[in-house]
Amino acid sequence: MQSIRRKKLVYEDTGTSVLEHDDDYDSELIYIGNDKVYKGAIDPKYTEFGLDVQWLYNDVSERVGLIEYETLDREVYEVLWYYSNPYATFFQERDWKTSGATVFSKMTNEAYGDSLNSEFKNIVLGSDERVIMPYMLDNMPSYYYECSDCRKRTFSATNGCSSLKKIYFSASTPILFLDDSYVIYTPPPDSKIWKLIPRPQPVGGDEERAEPVSAPEQAQ
């Protein structure tokens, strides 16, 4: 979940369980609009950013969001909520949509077999779509690897193939947004995701650039 007050800050511990520093804290009941929530203690993990971050809980002690206050002026703050999918939560955009379909419905039998025999996050679909997953949002890869012999594509240069080339995504590469269960999502037209990656352009614009790989490395 990306901070609103500090654009380079990403809240990674976004589970629903009670955090340790809130265990014995007498939480404060507050109302945010029509939502009744309980505000925890200041999270010491984020004070170095000049923020007083306090997590929000519902009636059954599940975390449902947070408030980030400016430490020097607590009149300045933002409320961040958990939403039903990781993209909506990360960008605080509730209009990410899904039909519930998964990526497996788009895969060839060969690609599906590959996904069963390797770590799925390293699979780049054979249909030439660029796969984006939640773990990439704060470190977006700009390229992948392809084996010149078997044509296998992955995000890792240490995949057992000996003849790899690094291929940079082009602006015309279609994009597929998946969650951790491989469900497909569609962003709203004005999503902040387009500040992280180029919006797909018609074919004929930037083409993919390829470079030989001389030593094992990880995609960045």
C-alpha atoms as a PDB file:
ATOM      1  CA  MET A   1       0.000   0.000   0.000  1.00  0.00           C
ATOM      2  CA  GLN A   2       1.601   3.224  -1.199  1.00  0.00           C
ATOM      3  CA  SER A   3       1.726   6.162   1.188  1.00  0.00           C
ATOM      4  CA  ILE A   4      -0.082   9.306   0.092  1.00  0.00           C
ATOM      5  CA  ARG A   5       2.027  11.631   2.249  1.00  0.00           C
ATOM      6  CA  ARG A   6       5.382  10.038   1.243  1.00  0.00           C
ATOM      7  CA  LYS A   7       5.348   8.735  -2.329  1.00  0.00           C
ATOM      8  CA  LYS A   8       8.456   6.578  -1.865  1.00  0.00           C
ATOM      9  CA  LEU A   9       7.047   4.853   1.222  1.00  0.00           C
ATOM     10  CA  VAL A  10       5.246   1.536   0.764  1.00  0.00           C
ATOM     11  CA  TYR A  11       3.409  -0.107   3.662  1.00  0.00           C
ATOM     12  CA  GLU A  12       4.267  -3.794   3.269  1.00  0.00           C
ATOM     13  CA  ASP A  13       2.708  -5.297   6.402  1.00  0.00           C
ATOM     14  CA  THR A  14      -0.896  -5.024   5.270  1.00  0.00           C
ATOM     15  CA  GLY A  15      -2.340  -8.153   6.837  1.00  0.00           C
ATOM     16  CA  THR A  16      -5.467  -8.069   8.974  1.00  0.00           C
ATOM     17  CA  SER A  17      -3.967  -9.274  12.266  1.00  0.00           C
ATOM     18  CA  VAL A  18      -3.331  -7.000  15.254  1.00  0.00           C
ATOM     19  CA  LEU A  19       0.192  -5.591  15.231  1.00  0.00           C
ATOM     20  CA  GLU A  20       2.435  -6.211  18.226  1.00  0.00           C
ATOM     21  CA  HIS A  21       2.611  -2.564  19.278  1.00  0.00           C
ATOM     22  CA  ASP A  22      -1.221  -2.472  19.375  1.00  0.00           C
ATOM     23  CA  ASP A  23      -1.643  -5.676  21.418  1.00  0.00           C
ATOM     24  CA  ASP A  24      -2.153  -4.037  24.811  1.00  0.00           C
ATOM     25  CA  TYR A  25      -3.080  -0.581  23.575  1.00  0.00           C
ATOM     26  CA  ASP A  26      -6.389   0.972  24.594  1.00  0.00           C
ATOM     27  CA  SER A  27      -7.543   1.884  21.082  1.00  0.00           C
ATOM     28  CA  GLU A  28      -9.571   5.013  20.400  1.00  0.00           C
ATOM     29  CA  LEU A  29     -13.007   4.748  18.803  1.00  0.00           C
ATOM     30  CA  ILE A  30     -13.340   7.225  15.932  1.00  0.00           C
ATOM     31  CA  TYR A  31     -15.698   7.816  13.028  1.00  0.00           C
ATOM     32  CA  ILE A  32     -14.418   8.443   9.503  1.00  0.00           C
ATOM     33  CA  GLY A  33     -17.423   9.378   7.452  1.00  0.00           C
ATOM     34  CA  ASN A  34     -19.916   6.609   8.150  1.00  0.00           C
ATOM     35  CA  ASP A  35     -17.221   4.131   9.177  1.00  0.00           C
ATOM     36  CA  LYS A  36     -16.703   3.309  12.845  1.00  0.00           C
ATOM     37  CA  VAL A  37     -13.126   2.173  13.474  1.00  0.00           C
ATOM     38  CA  TYR A  38     -10.635   1.837  16.327  1.00  0.00           C
ATOM     39  CA  LYS A  39      -7.329   3.674  16.059  1.00  0.00           C
ATOM     40  CA  GLY A  40      -4.191   1.972  17.369  1.00  0.00           C
ATOM     41  CA  ALA A  41      -0.947   3.391  18.748  1.00  0.00           C
ATOM     42  CA  ILE A  42       1.652   5.223  16.659  1.00  0.00           C
ATOM     43  CA  ASP A  43       3.637   2.639  14.695  1.00  0.00           C
ATOM     44  CA  PRO A  44       7.329   3.206  15.568  1.00  0.00           C
ATOM     45  CA  LYS A  45       8.402   1.736  12.233  1.00  0.00           C
ATOM     46  CA  TYR A  46       7.447   4.891  10.339  1.00  0.00           C
ATOM     47  CA  THR A  47       8.448   7.757  12.643  1.00  0.00           C
ATOM     48  CA  GLU A  48      11.701   8.180  10.675  1.00  0.00           C
ATOM     49  CA  PHE A  49       9.570   9.358   7.738  1.00  0.00           C
ATOM     50  CA  GLY A  50       8.153  12.231   9.798  1.00  0.00           C
ATOM     51  CA  LEU A  51       4.795  10.464  10.003  1.00  0.00           C
ATOM     52  CA  ASP A  52       2.617   9.301  12.883  1.00  0.00           C
ATOM     53  CA  VAL A  53       1.068   6.169  11.381  1.00  0.00           C
ATOM     54  CA  GLN A  54      -1.823   4.628  13.312  1.00  0.00           C
ATOM     55  CA  TRP A  55      -3.547   1.494  12.087  1.00  0.00           C
ATOM     56  CA  LEU A  56      -7.327   1.175  11.997  1.00  0.00           C
ATOM     57  CA  TYR A  57      -9.297  -1.852  13.225  1.00  0.00           C
ATOM     58  CA  ASN A  58     -12.906  -2.937  12.942  1.00  0.00           C
ATOM     59  CA  ASP A  59     -15.200  -4.337  15.655  1.00  0.00           C
ATOM     60  CA  VAL A  60     -13.553  -7.773  15.514  1.00  0.00           C
ATOM     61  CA  SER A  61      -9.983  -6.427  15.728  1.00  0.00           C
ATOM     62  CA  GLU A  62      -9.158  -6.855  12.048  1.00  0.00           C
ATOM     63  CA  ARG A  63      -6.982  -4.211  10.457  1.00  0.00           C
ATOM     64  CA  VAL A  64      -8.876  -2.330   7.780  1.00  0.00           C
ATOM     65  CA  GLY A  65      -6.576   0.609   6.987  1.00  0.00           C
ATOM     66  CA  LEU A  66      -4.466   3.340   8.544  1.00  0.00           C
ATOM     67  CA  ILE A  67      -4.161   7.066   9.143  1.00  0.00           C
ATOM     68  CA  GLU A  68      -0.889   8.799   8.377  1.00  0.00           C
ATOM     69  CA  TYR A  69      -0.438  12.121  10.186  1.00  0.00           C
ATOM     70  CA  GLU A  70       2.320  14.622   9.617  1.00  0.00           C
ATOM     71  CA  THR A  71       4.305  14.430  12.876  1.00  0.00           C
ATOM     72  CA  LEU A  72       4.838  18.185  13.018  1.00  0.00           C
ATOM     73  CA  ASP A  73       1.238  19.021  12.110  1.00  0.00           C
ATOM     74  CA  ARG A  74      -1.360  16.376  12.924  1.00  0.00           C
ATOM     75  CA  GLU A  75      -4.030  18.504  11.301  1.00  0.00           C
ATOM     76  CA  VAL A  76      -2.519  17.255   8.024  1.00  0.00           C
ATOM     77  CA  TYR A  77      -3.318  13.591   7.437  1.00  0.00           C
ATOM     78  CA  GLU A  78      -4.546  10.986   4.965  1.00  0.00           C
ATOM     79  CA  VAL A  79      -6.711   7.885   5.479  1.00  0.00           C
ATOM     80  CA  LEU A  80      -5.800   4.722   3.559  1.00  0.00           C
ATOM     81  CA  TRP A  81      -8.216   1.801   3.377  1.00  0.00           C
ATOM     82  CA  TYR A  82      -7.930  -1.877   2.549  1.00  0.00           C
ATOM     83  CA  TYR A  83      -9.921  -2.794  -0.546  1.00  0.00           C
ATOM     84  CA  SER A  84     -10.969  -6.129  -2.022  1.00  0.00           C
ATOM     85  CA  ASN A  85      -7.937  -6.498  -4.314  1.00  0.00           C
ATOM     86  CA  PRO A  86      -4.236  -5.634  -3.947  1.00  0.00           C
ATOM     87  CA  TYR A  87      -4.151  -3.075  -6.762  1.00  0.00           C
ATOM     88  CA  ALA A  88      -7.042  -1.051  -5.360  1.00  0.00           C
ATOM     89  CA  THR A  89      -5.369  -1.152  -1.945  1.00  0.00           C
ATOM     90  CA  PHE A  90      -1.881  -0.259  -3.185  1.00  0.00           C
ATOM     91  CA  PHE A  91      -3.019   2.738  -5.233  1.00  0.00           C
ATOM     92  CA  GLN A  92      -6.104   3.607  -3.148  1.00  0.00           C
ATOM     93  CA  GLU A  93      -8.236   3.255  -6.280  1.00  0.00           C
ATOM     94  CA  ARG A  94     -11.444   1.344  -5.685  1.00  0.00           C
ATOM     95  CA  ASP A  95     -12.313   1.118  -9.402  1.00  0.00           C
ATOM     96  CA  TRP A  96      -9.988  -1.757 -10.331  1.00  0.00           C
ATOM     97  CA  LYS A  97     -12.320  -4.376 -11.857  1.00  0.00           C
ATOM     98  CA  THR A  98     -12.282  -8.138 -12.390  1.00  0.00           C
ATOM     99  CA  SER A  99     -14.596 -10.684 -13.947  1.00  0.00           C
ATOM    100  CA  GLY A 100     -13.068 -13.372 -11.737  1.00  0.00           C
ATOM    101  CA  ALA A 101     -11.302 -15.064 -14.672  1.00  0.00           C
ATOM    102  CA  THR A 102      -7.785 -16.359 -14.046  1.00  0.00           C
ATOM    103  CA  VAL A 103      -4.721 -16.307 -16.252  1.00  0.00           C
ATOM    104  CA  PHE A 104      -4.941 -20.074 -16.742  1.00  0.00           C
ATOM    105  CA  SER A 105      -7.912 -19.565 -19.057  1.00  0.00           C
ATOM    106  CA  LYS A 106      -5.580 -17.671 -21.446  1.00  0.00           C
ATOM    107  CA  MET A 107      -2.634 -20.086 -21.406  1.00  0.00           C
ATOM    108  CA  THR A 108      -1.698 -22.670 -24.002  1.00  0.00           C
ATOM    109  CA  ASN A 109      -1.298 -26.241 -22.764  1.00  0.00           C
ATOM    110  CA  GLU A 110       2.480 -25.870 -23.042  1.00  0.00           C
ATOM    111  CA  ALA A 111       2.547 -22.645 -21.018  1.00  0.00           C
ATOM    112  CA  TYR A 112       0.249 -24.192 -18.412  1.00  0.00           C
ATOM    113  CA  GLY A 113       2.602 -27.166 -18.109  1.00  0.00           C
ATOM    114  CA  ASP A 114       5.556 -24.817 -17.603  1.00  0.00           C
ATOM    115  CA  SER A 115       3.680 -22.988 -14.850  1.00  0.00           C
ATOM    116  CA  LEU A 116       3.219 -26.239 -12.933  1.00  0.00           C
ATOM    117  CA  ASN A 117       6.931 -27.061 -13.098  1.00  0.00           C
ATOM    118  CA  SER A 118       8.443 -23.713 -12.091  1.00  0.00           C
ATOM    119  CA  GLU A 119       7.863 -20.723  -9.843  1.00  0.00           C
ATOM    120  CA  PHE A 120       4.918 -19.041 -11.536  1.00  0.00           C
ATOM    121  CA  LYS A 121       6.104 -15.483 -10.910  1.00  0.00           C
ATOM    122  CA  ASN A 122       8.986 -16.180 -13.342  1.00  0.00           C
ATOM    123  CA  ILE A 123       6.683 -17.153 -16.185  1.00  0.00           C
ATOM    124  CA  VAL A 124       6.137 -14.656 -19.001  1.00  0.00           C
ATOM    125  CA  LEU A 125       3.130 -15.777 -21.028  1.00  0.00           C
ATOM    126  CA  GLY A 126       3.791 -17.251 -24.447  1.00  0.00           C
ATOM    127  CA  SER A 127       1.076 -14.983 -25.818  1.00  0.00           C
ATOM    128  CA  ASP A 128       3.522 -12.046 -25.507  1.00  0.00           C
ATOM    129  CA  GLU A 129       1.528 -10.274 -22.813  1.00  0.00           C
ATOM    130  CA  ARG A 130       3.439  -8.479 -20.091  1.00  0.00           C
ATOM    131  CA  VAL A 131       2.526  -9.915 -16.692  1.00  0.00           C
ATOM    132  CA  ILE A 132       2.263  -7.519 -13.737  1.00  0.00           C
ATOM    133  CA  MET A 133       1.769  -8.910 -10.212  1.00  0.00           C
ATOM    134  CA  PRO A 134       1.403  -7.123  -6.858  1.00  0.00           C
ATOM    135  CA  TYR A 135       4.943  -7.922  -5.679  1.00  0.00           C
ATOM    136  CA  MET A 136       6.299  -5.940  -8.657  1.00  0.00           C
ATOM    137  CA  LEU A 137       4.614  -2.648  -7.804  1.00  0.00           C
ATOM    138  CA  ASP A 138       7.456  -1.217  -5.724  1.00  0.00           C
ATOM    139  CA  ASN A 139      10.208  -2.648  -7.974  1.00  0.00           C
ATOM    140  CA  MET A 140       8.832  -2.848 -11.501  1.00  0.00           C
ATOM    141  CA  PRO A 141      10.859  -5.062 -13.889  1.00  0.00           C
ATOM    142  CA  SER A 142      11.535  -3.457 -17.247  1.00  0.00           C
ATOM    143  CA  TYR A 143      12.838  -6.579 -19.019  1.00  0.00           C
ATOM    144  CA  TYR A 144      12.742 -10.374 -19.087  1.00  0.00           C
ATOM    145  CA  TYR A 145      14.987 -13.173 -20.383  1.00  0.00           C
ATOM    146  CA  GLU A 146      14.471 -15.489 -23.331  1.00  0.00           C
ATOM    147  CA  CYS A 147      16.464 -18.608 -24.144  1.00  0.00           C
ATOM    148  CA  SER A 148      17.657 -18.590 -27.772  1.00  0.00           C
ATOM    149  CA  ASP A 149      17.430 -22.399 -27.873  1.00  0.00           C
ATOM    150  CA  CYS A 150      14.181 -23.383 -26.143  1.00  0.00           C
ATOM    151  CA  ARG A 151      12.474 -19.938 -26.256  1.00  0.00           C
ATOM    152  CA  LYS A 152      11.563 -20.202 -22.584  1.00  0.00           C
ATOM    153  CA  ARG A 153      10.913 -16.786 -21.018  1.00  0.00           C
ATOM    154  CA  THR A 154      11.435 -15.863 -17.359  1.00  0.00           C
ATOM    155  CA  PHE A 155      12.339 -12.951 -15.097  1.00  0.00           C
ATOM    156  CA  SER A 156      15.438 -14.778 -13.846  1.00  0.00           C
ATOM    157  CA  ALA A 157      18.758 -15.251 -15.623  1.00  0.00           C
ATOM    158  CA  THR A 158      19.468 -18.307 -13.443  1.00  0.00           C
ATOM    159  CA  ASN A 159      16.830 -20.597 -14.941  1.00  0.00           C
ATOM    160  CA  GLY A 160      19.117 -23.378 -16.223  1.00  0.00           C
ATOM    161  CA  CYS A 161      19.295 -22.152 -19.813  1.00  0.00           C
ATOM    162  CA  SER A 162      22.742 -21.397 -21.224  1.00  0.00           C
ATOM    163  CA  SER A 163      21.875 -19.124 -24.154  1.00  0.00           C
ATOM    164  CA  LEU A 164      19.911 -16.155 -22.813  1.00  0.00           C
ATOM    165  CA  LYS A 165      19.169 -12.706 -24.116  1.00  0.00           C
ATOM    166  CA  LYS A 166      17.698  -9.822 -22.139  1.00  0.00           C
ATOM    167  CA  ILE A 167      14.605  -8.304 -23.761  1.00  0.00           C
ATOM    168  CA  TYR A 168      13.184  -4.930 -22.709  1.00  0.00           C
ATOM    169  CA  PHE A 169       9.422  -4.533 -22.802  1.00  0.00           C
ATOM    170  CA  SER A 170       8.140  -2.277 -25.540  1.00  0.00           C
ATOM    171  CA  ALA A 171       5.372   0.278 -25.171  1.00  0.00           C
ATOM    172  CA  SER A 172       3.190  -1.827 -27.484  1.00  0.00           C
ATOM    173  CA  THR A 173       3.366  -4.978 -25.314  1.00  0.00           C
ATOM    174  CA  PRO A 174      -0.143  -5.817 -23.986  1.00  0.00           C
ATOM    175  CA  ILE A 175      -0.313  -5.905 -20.178  1.00  0.00           C
ATOM    176  CA  LEU A 176      -1.988  -8.442 -17.932  1.00  0.00           C
ATOM    177  CA  PHE A 177      -2.573  -7.513 -14.265  1.00  0.00           C
ATOM    178  CA  LEU A 178      -2.798 -10.530 -11.948  1.00  0.00           C
ATOM    179  CA  ASP A 179      -3.230 -10.936  -8.200  1.00  0.00           C
ATOM    180  CA  ASP A 180      -1.488 -13.610  -6.137  1.00  0.00           C
ATOM    181  CA  SER A 181      -4.212 -16.113  -7.102  1.00  0.00           C
ATOM    182  CA  TYR A 182      -3.657 -15.239 -10.801  1.00  0.00           C
ATOM    183  CA  VAL A 183      -7.044 -13.514 -11.135  1.00  0.00           C
ATOM    184  CA  ILE A 184      -7.040 -10.914 -13.943  1.00  0.00           C
ATOM    185  CA  TYR A 185      -7.759  -7.236 -13.156  1.00  0.00           C
ATOM    186  CA  THR A 186      -8.421  -4.142 -15.256  1.00  0.00           C
ATOM    187  CA  PRO A 187      -7.265  -0.714 -13.990  1.00  0.00           C
ATOM    188  CA  PRO A 188      -9.359   2.457 -14.161  1.00  0.00           C
ATOM    189  CA  PRO A 189      -8.380   4.693 -17.117  1.00  0.00           C
ATOM    190  CA  ASP A 190      -6.711   7.305 -14.898  1.00  0.00           C
ATOM    191  CA  SER A 191      -4.923   4.814 -12.609  1.00  0.00           C
ATOM    192  CA  LYS A 192      -1.609   5.722 -10.979  1.00  0.00           C
ATOM    193  CA  ILE A 193      -0.225   2.474 -12.437  1.00  0.00           C
ATOM    194  CA  TRP A 194       0.452   4.390 -15.658  1.00  0.00           C
ATOM    195  CA  LYS A 195       3.047   6.463 -13.797  1.00  0.00           C
ATOM    196  CA  LEU A 196       5.004   3.257 -13.145  1.00  0.00           C
ATOM    197  CA  ILE A 197       4.753   1.702 -16.590  1.00  0.00           C
ATOM    198  CA  PRO A 198       3.967   3.127 -20.043  1.00  0.00           C
ATOM    199  CA  ARG A 199       0.361   2.827 -21.116  1.00  0.00           C
ATOM    200  CA  PRO A 200       0.252   0.271 -23.979  1.00  0.00           C
ATOM    201  CA  GLN A 201       0.487   1.949 -27.391  1.00  0.00           C
ATOM    202  CA  PRO A 202      -0.592   0.648 -30.825  1.00  0.00           C
ATOM    203  CA  VAL A 203       1.850  -1.744 -32.470  1.00  0.00           C
ATOM    204  CA  GLY A 204       4.422   0.158 -34.475  1.00  0.00           C
ATOM    205  CA  GLY A 205       5.739   2.347 -31.676  1.00  0.00           C
ATOM    206  CA  ASP A 206       8.655   1.265 -29.470  1.00  0.00           C
ATOM    207  CA  GLU A 207       9.869  -2.240 -30.289  1.00  0.00           C
ATOM    208  CA  GLU A 208      11.413  -4.644 -27.790  1.00  0.00           C
ATOM    209  CA  ARG A 209      15.204  -4.308 -27.465  1.00  0.00           C
ATOM    210  CA  ALA A 210      17.281  -7.458 -26.972  1.00  0.00           C
ATOM    211  CA  GLU A 211      20.757  -7.802 -25.466  1.00  0.00           C
ATOM    212  CA  PRO A 212      22.932 -10.920 -24.994  1.00  0.00           C
ATOM    213  CA  VAL A 213      23.461 -12.011 -21.393  1.00  0.00           C
ATOM    214  CA  SER A 214      27.037 -12.777 -20.392  1.00  0.00           C
ATOM    215  CA  ALA A 215      26.544 -13.496 -16.658  1.00  0.00           C
ATOM    216  CA  PRO A 216      23.637 -14.503 -14.407  1.00  0.00           C
ATOM    217  CA  GLU A 217      21.651 -11.550 -13.019  1.00  0.00           C
ATOM    218  CA  GLN A 218      18.202 -10.704 -11.696  1.00  0.00           C
ATOM    219  CA  ALA A 219      15.707  -8.496 -13.502  1.00  0.00           C
ATOM    220  CA  GLN A 220      15.207  -5.041 -12.042  1.00  0.00           C
END
